[in-house]
């Protein structure tokens, strides 16, 4: 048990990123199905609502549990949240849509293979942008 705890603490950020990423995916599907099946909302609108709420869920969980951001002022949170949403739009356009279309339409790669490859790219891009830009840890030398 001690070894498992040590491994978790060593890889806590990545493990939590994977766990909450999975929960974000579940959130997306649940919201989509609630909107379409329970409330009979159009599929495209439901997908937009599901995307928005799942990215909001991802922001909150990444902020608190994955990257443990300490930003708390209204302006800081708005900037951080906006950056998070912008990064998700960017990865969606670049990888999920752009690279997928290129792989399938130009290079005639099987769509399932292309989807798997682009999803890995999205996950990696989102993690890197979150770690290095959005939730970047700053060192305060003035405090020492």
C-alpha atoms as a PDB file:
ATOM      1  CA  UNK A   1       0.000   0.000   0.000  1.00  0.00           C
ATOM      2  CA  UNK A   2       2.889   2.346   0.807  1.00  0.00           C
ATOM      3  CA  UNK A   3       4.374   1.779  -2.677  1.00  0.00           C
ATOM      4  CA  UNK A   4       1.036   2.617  -4.328  1.00  0.00           C
ATOM      5  CA  UNK A   5       0.801   5.832  -2.319  1.00  0.00           C
ATOM      6  CA  UNK A   6       4.382   6.755  -3.291  1.00  0.00           C
ATOM      7  CA  UNK A   7       3.630   6.148  -6.968  1.00  0.00           C
ATOM      8  CA  UNK A   8       0.422   8.158  -6.742  1.00  0.00           C
ATOM      9  CA  UNK A   9       2.199  11.084  -5.096  1.00  0.00           C
ATOM     10  CA  UNK A  10       5.008  10.924  -7.660  1.00  0.00           C
ATOM     11  CA  UNK A  11       2.588  10.924 -10.620  1.00  0.00           C
ATOM     12  CA  UNK A  12      -0.346  12.680  -8.930  1.00  0.00           C
ATOM     13  CA  UNK A  13      -0.778  15.379 -11.557  1.00  0.00           C
ATOM     14  CA  UNK A  14      -0.832  12.964 -14.500  1.00  0.00           C
ATOM     15  CA  UNK A  15      -3.049  10.425 -12.706  1.00  0.00           C
ATOM     16  CA  UNK A  16      -5.532  13.113 -11.702  1.00  0.00           C
ATOM     17  CA  UNK A  17      -5.455  14.535 -15.236  1.00  0.00           C
ATOM     18  CA  UNK A  18      -6.401  11.127 -16.636  1.00  0.00           C
ATOM     19  CA  UNK A  19      -9.109  10.515 -14.005  1.00  0.00           C
ATOM     20  CA  UNK A  20     -10.736  13.916 -14.444  1.00  0.00           C
ATOM     21  CA  UNK A  21     -10.336  13.716 -18.210  1.00  0.00           C
ATOM     22  CA  UNK A  22     -12.364  10.507 -18.121  1.00  0.00           C
ATOM     23  CA  UNK A  23     -14.967  12.161 -15.907  1.00  0.00           C
ATOM     24  CA  UNK A  24     -15.068  15.100 -18.327  1.00  0.00           C
ATOM     25  CA  UNK A  25     -15.858  12.697 -21.155  1.00  0.00           C
ATOM     26  CA  UNK A  26     -18.613  11.098 -19.061  1.00  0.00           C
ATOM     27  CA  UNK A  27     -19.968  14.578 -18.270  1.00  0.00           C
ATOM     28  CA  UNK A  28     -20.054  15.391 -21.974  1.00  0.00           C
ATOM     29  CA  UNK A  29     -22.020  12.246 -22.841  1.00  0.00           C
ATOM     30  CA  UNK A  30     -24.425  12.524 -19.902  1.00  0.00           C
ATOM     31  CA  UNK A  31     -25.254  16.175 -20.653  1.00  0.00           C
ATOM     32  CA  UNK A  32     -25.659  15.371 -24.345  1.00  0.00           C
ATOM     33  CA  UNK A  33     -28.074  12.516 -23.676  1.00  0.00           C
ATOM     34  CA  UNK A  34     -30.034  14.492 -21.076  1.00  0.00           C
ATOM     35  CA  UNK A  35     -30.430  17.359 -23.531  1.00  0.00           C
ATOM     36  CA  UNK A  36     -31.406  15.179 -26.499  1.00  0.00           C
ATOM     37  CA  UNK A  37     -33.412  12.397 -24.872  1.00  0.00           C
ATOM     38  CA  UNK A  38     -34.938  14.075 -21.825  1.00  0.00           C
ATOM     39  CA  UNK A  39     -35.489  17.600 -23.140  1.00  0.00           C
ATOM     40  CA  UNK A  40     -35.666  16.871 -26.915  1.00  0.00           C
ATOM     41  CA  UNK A  41     -33.137  19.607 -27.721  1.00  0.00           C
ATOM     42  CA  UNK A  42     -31.608  19.564 -31.209  1.00  0.00           C
ATOM     43  CA  UNK A  43     -28.500  17.343 -31.469  1.00  0.00           C
ATOM     44  CA  UNK A  44     -26.149  20.122 -32.559  1.00  0.00           C
ATOM     45  CA  UNK A  45     -27.323  22.475 -29.810  1.00  0.00           C
ATOM     46  CA  UNK A  46     -27.128  19.612 -27.300  1.00  0.00           C
ATOM     47  CA  UNK A  47     -23.581  18.895 -28.416  1.00  0.00           C
ATOM     48  CA  UNK A  48     -22.658  22.563 -27.914  1.00  0.00           C
ATOM     49  CA  UNK A  49     -24.194  22.582 -24.430  1.00  0.00           C
ATOM     50  CA  UNK A  50     -22.421  19.309 -23.588  1.00  0.00           C
ATOM     51  CA  UNK A  51     -19.088  20.700 -24.828  1.00  0.00           C
ATOM     52  CA  UNK A  52     -19.447  23.902 -22.836  1.00  0.00           C
ATOM     53  CA  UNK A  53     -20.473  22.193 -19.588  1.00  0.00           C
ATOM     54  CA  UNK A  54     -17.819  19.488 -19.907  1.00  0.00           C
ATOM     55  CA  UNK A  55     -15.086  22.096 -20.513  1.00  0.00           C
ATOM     56  CA  UNK A  56     -16.379  24.052 -17.515  1.00  0.00           C
ATOM     57  CA  UNK A  57     -16.232  20.840 -15.447  1.00  0.00           C
ATOM     58  CA  UNK A  58     -12.709  20.193 -16.762  1.00  0.00           C
ATOM     59  CA  UNK A  59     -11.624  23.724 -15.846  1.00  0.00           C
ATOM     60  CA  UNK A  60     -12.857  23.424 -12.258  1.00  0.00           C
ATOM     61  CA  UNK A  61     -11.402  19.951 -11.694  1.00  0.00           C
ATOM     62  CA  UNK A  62      -8.089  20.814 -13.381  1.00  0.00           C
ATOM     63  CA  UNK A  63      -7.834  24.018 -11.355  1.00  0.00           C
ATOM     64  CA  UNK A  64      -8.535  22.341  -8.017  1.00  0.00           C
ATOM     65  CA  UNK A  65      -7.359  18.728  -8.262  1.00  0.00           C
ATOM     66  CA  UNK A  66      -4.846  18.494 -11.114  1.00  0.00           C
ATOM     67  CA  UNK A  67      -2.792  21.693 -11.217  1.00  0.00           C
ATOM     68  CA  UNK A  68      -3.868  23.047  -7.808  1.00  0.00           C
ATOM     69  CA  UNK A  69      -4.076  26.629  -9.014  1.00  0.00           C
ATOM     70  CA  UNK A  70      -4.056  29.205  -6.225  1.00  0.00           C
ATOM     71  CA  UNK A  71      -5.458  32.045  -8.309  1.00  0.00           C
ATOM     72  CA  UNK A  72      -8.484  33.426  -6.511  1.00  0.00           C
ATOM     73  CA  UNK A  73      -9.168  37.007  -7.554  1.00  0.00           C
ATOM     74  CA  UNK A  74     -12.104  37.621  -9.896  1.00  0.00           C
ATOM     75  CA  UNK A  75      -9.887  38.990 -12.684  1.00  0.00           C
ATOM     76  CA  UNK A  76      -7.328  36.189 -12.273  1.00  0.00           C
ATOM     77  CA  UNK A  77     -10.007  33.510 -12.457  1.00  0.00           C
ATOM     78  CA  UNK A  78     -11.651  35.089 -15.516  1.00  0.00           C
ATOM     79  CA  UNK A  79      -8.279  35.244 -17.323  1.00  0.00           C
ATOM     80  CA  UNK A  80      -7.431  31.679 -16.285  1.00  0.00           C
ATOM     81  CA  UNK A  81     -10.853  30.333 -17.310  1.00  0.00           C
ATOM     82  CA  UNK A  82     -10.817  32.215 -20.617  1.00  0.00           C
ATOM     83  CA  UNK A  83      -7.352  30.839 -21.373  1.00  0.00           C
ATOM     84  CA  UNK A  84      -8.571  27.334 -20.555  1.00  0.00           C
ATOM     85  CA  UNK A  85     -11.586  27.620 -22.888  1.00  0.00           C
ATOM     86  CA  UNK A  86      -9.446  29.192 -25.631  1.00  0.00           C
ATOM     87  CA  UNK A  87      -6.929  26.339 -25.361  1.00  0.00           C
ATOM     88  CA  UNK A  88      -9.761  23.813 -25.720  1.00  0.00           C
ATOM     89  CA  UNK A  89     -11.089  25.615 -28.793  1.00  0.00           C
ATOM     90  CA  UNK A  90      -7.564  25.741 -30.245  1.00  0.00           C
ATOM     91  CA  UNK A  91      -6.914  22.023 -29.686  1.00  0.00           C
ATOM     92  CA  UNK A  92     -10.360  21.244 -31.073  1.00  0.00           C
ATOM     93  CA  UNK A  93      -9.739  23.205 -34.264  1.00  0.00           C
ATOM     94  CA  UNK A  94      -6.105  22.180 -34.774  1.00  0.00           C
ATOM     95  CA  UNK A  95      -6.198  18.530 -33.791  1.00  0.00           C
ATOM     96  CA  UNK A  96      -9.733  17.291 -33.484  1.00  0.00           C
ATOM     97  CA  UNK A  97     -10.989  18.887 -36.684  1.00  0.00           C
ATOM     98  CA  UNK A  98      -8.002  20.034 -38.761  1.00  0.00           C
ATOM     99  CA  UNK A  99      -5.609  17.134 -38.330  1.00  0.00           C
ATOM    100  CA  UNK A 100      -8.462  14.619 -38.487  1.00  0.00           C
ATOM    101  CA  UNK A 101      -9.690  16.077 -41.805  1.00  0.00           C
ATOM    102  CA  UNK A 102      -6.149  16.111 -43.191  1.00  0.00           C
ATOM    103  CA  UNK A 103      -5.522  12.494 -42.192  1.00  0.00           C
ATOM    104  CA  UNK A 104      -8.839  11.205 -43.538  1.00  0.00           C
ATOM    105  CA  UNK A 105      -9.387  13.346 -46.638  1.00  0.00           C
ATOM    106  CA  UNK A 106      -5.830  14.019 -47.853  1.00  0.00           C
ATOM    107  CA  UNK A 107      -3.831  11.022 -46.636  1.00  0.00           C
ATOM    108  CA  UNK A 108      -6.756   8.523 -46.801  1.00  0.00           C
ATOM    109  CA  UNK A 109      -6.006   7.171 -43.323  1.00  0.00           C
ATOM    110  CA  UNK A 110      -8.725   5.030 -41.757  1.00  0.00           C
ATOM    111  CA  UNK A 111     -11.109   7.282 -39.821  1.00  0.00           C
ATOM    112  CA  UNK A 112     -10.927   5.211 -36.620  1.00  0.00           C
ATOM    113  CA  UNK A 113      -7.132   5.291 -36.645  1.00  0.00           C
ATOM    114  CA  UNK A 114      -7.236   9.035 -37.371  1.00  0.00           C
ATOM    115  CA  UNK A 115      -9.709   9.590 -34.526  1.00  0.00           C
ATOM    116  CA  UNK A 116      -7.491   7.728 -32.062  1.00  0.00           C
ATOM    117  CA  UNK A 117      -4.377   9.613 -33.180  1.00  0.00           C
ATOM    118  CA  UNK A 118      -6.072  13.003 -33.035  1.00  0.00           C
ATOM    119  CA  UNK A 119      -7.587  12.307 -29.606  1.00  0.00           C
ATOM    120  CA  UNK A 120      -4.131  11.494 -28.263  1.00  0.00           C
ATOM    121  CA  UNK A 121      -2.896  14.738 -29.806  1.00  0.00           C
ATOM    122  CA  UNK A 122      -5.763  16.671 -28.179  1.00  0.00           C
ATOM    123  CA  UNK A 123      -5.042  15.160 -24.762  1.00  0.00           C
ATOM    124  CA  UNK A 124      -1.325  15.931 -24.996  1.00  0.00           C
ATOM    125  CA  UNK A 125      -1.883  19.446 -26.344  1.00  0.00           C
ATOM    126  CA  UNK A 126      -4.447  20.225 -23.624  1.00  0.00           C
ATOM    127  CA  UNK A 127      -2.125  18.926 -20.900  1.00  0.00           C
ATOM    128  CA  UNK A 128       0.866  20.908 -22.169  1.00  0.00           C
ATOM    129  CA  UNK A 129      -1.131  24.121 -22.572  1.00  0.00           C
ATOM    130  CA  UNK A 130      -2.667  23.672 -19.123  1.00  0.00           C
ATOM    131  CA  UNK A 131       0.647  22.933 -17.416  1.00  0.00           C
ATOM    132  CA  UNK A 132       2.868  25.459 -19.183  1.00  0.00           C
ATOM    133  CA  UNK A 133       0.457  28.317 -19.904  1.00  0.00           C
ATOM    134  CA  UNK A 134      -2.892  28.259 -18.105  1.00  0.00           C
ATOM    135  CA  UNK A 135      -1.980  26.861 -14.678  1.00  0.00           C
ATOM    136  CA  UNK A 136       1.722  27.739 -14.867  1.00  0.00           C
ATOM    137  CA  UNK A 137       3.285  27.821 -11.438  1.00  0.00           C
ATOM    138  CA  UNK A 138       4.988  31.121 -10.703  1.00  0.00           C
ATOM    139  CA  UNK A 139       7.816  31.475  -8.257  1.00  0.00           C
ATOM    140  CA  UNK A 140       7.629  34.436  -5.922  1.00  0.00           C
ATOM    141  CA  UNK A 141      11.177  35.308  -4.933  1.00  0.00           C
ATOM    142  CA  UNK A 142       9.873  38.332  -3.065  1.00  0.00           C
ATOM    143  CA  UNK A 143       8.282  36.001  -0.501  1.00  0.00           C
ATOM    144  CA  UNK A 144      11.638  34.440   0.487  1.00  0.00           C
END
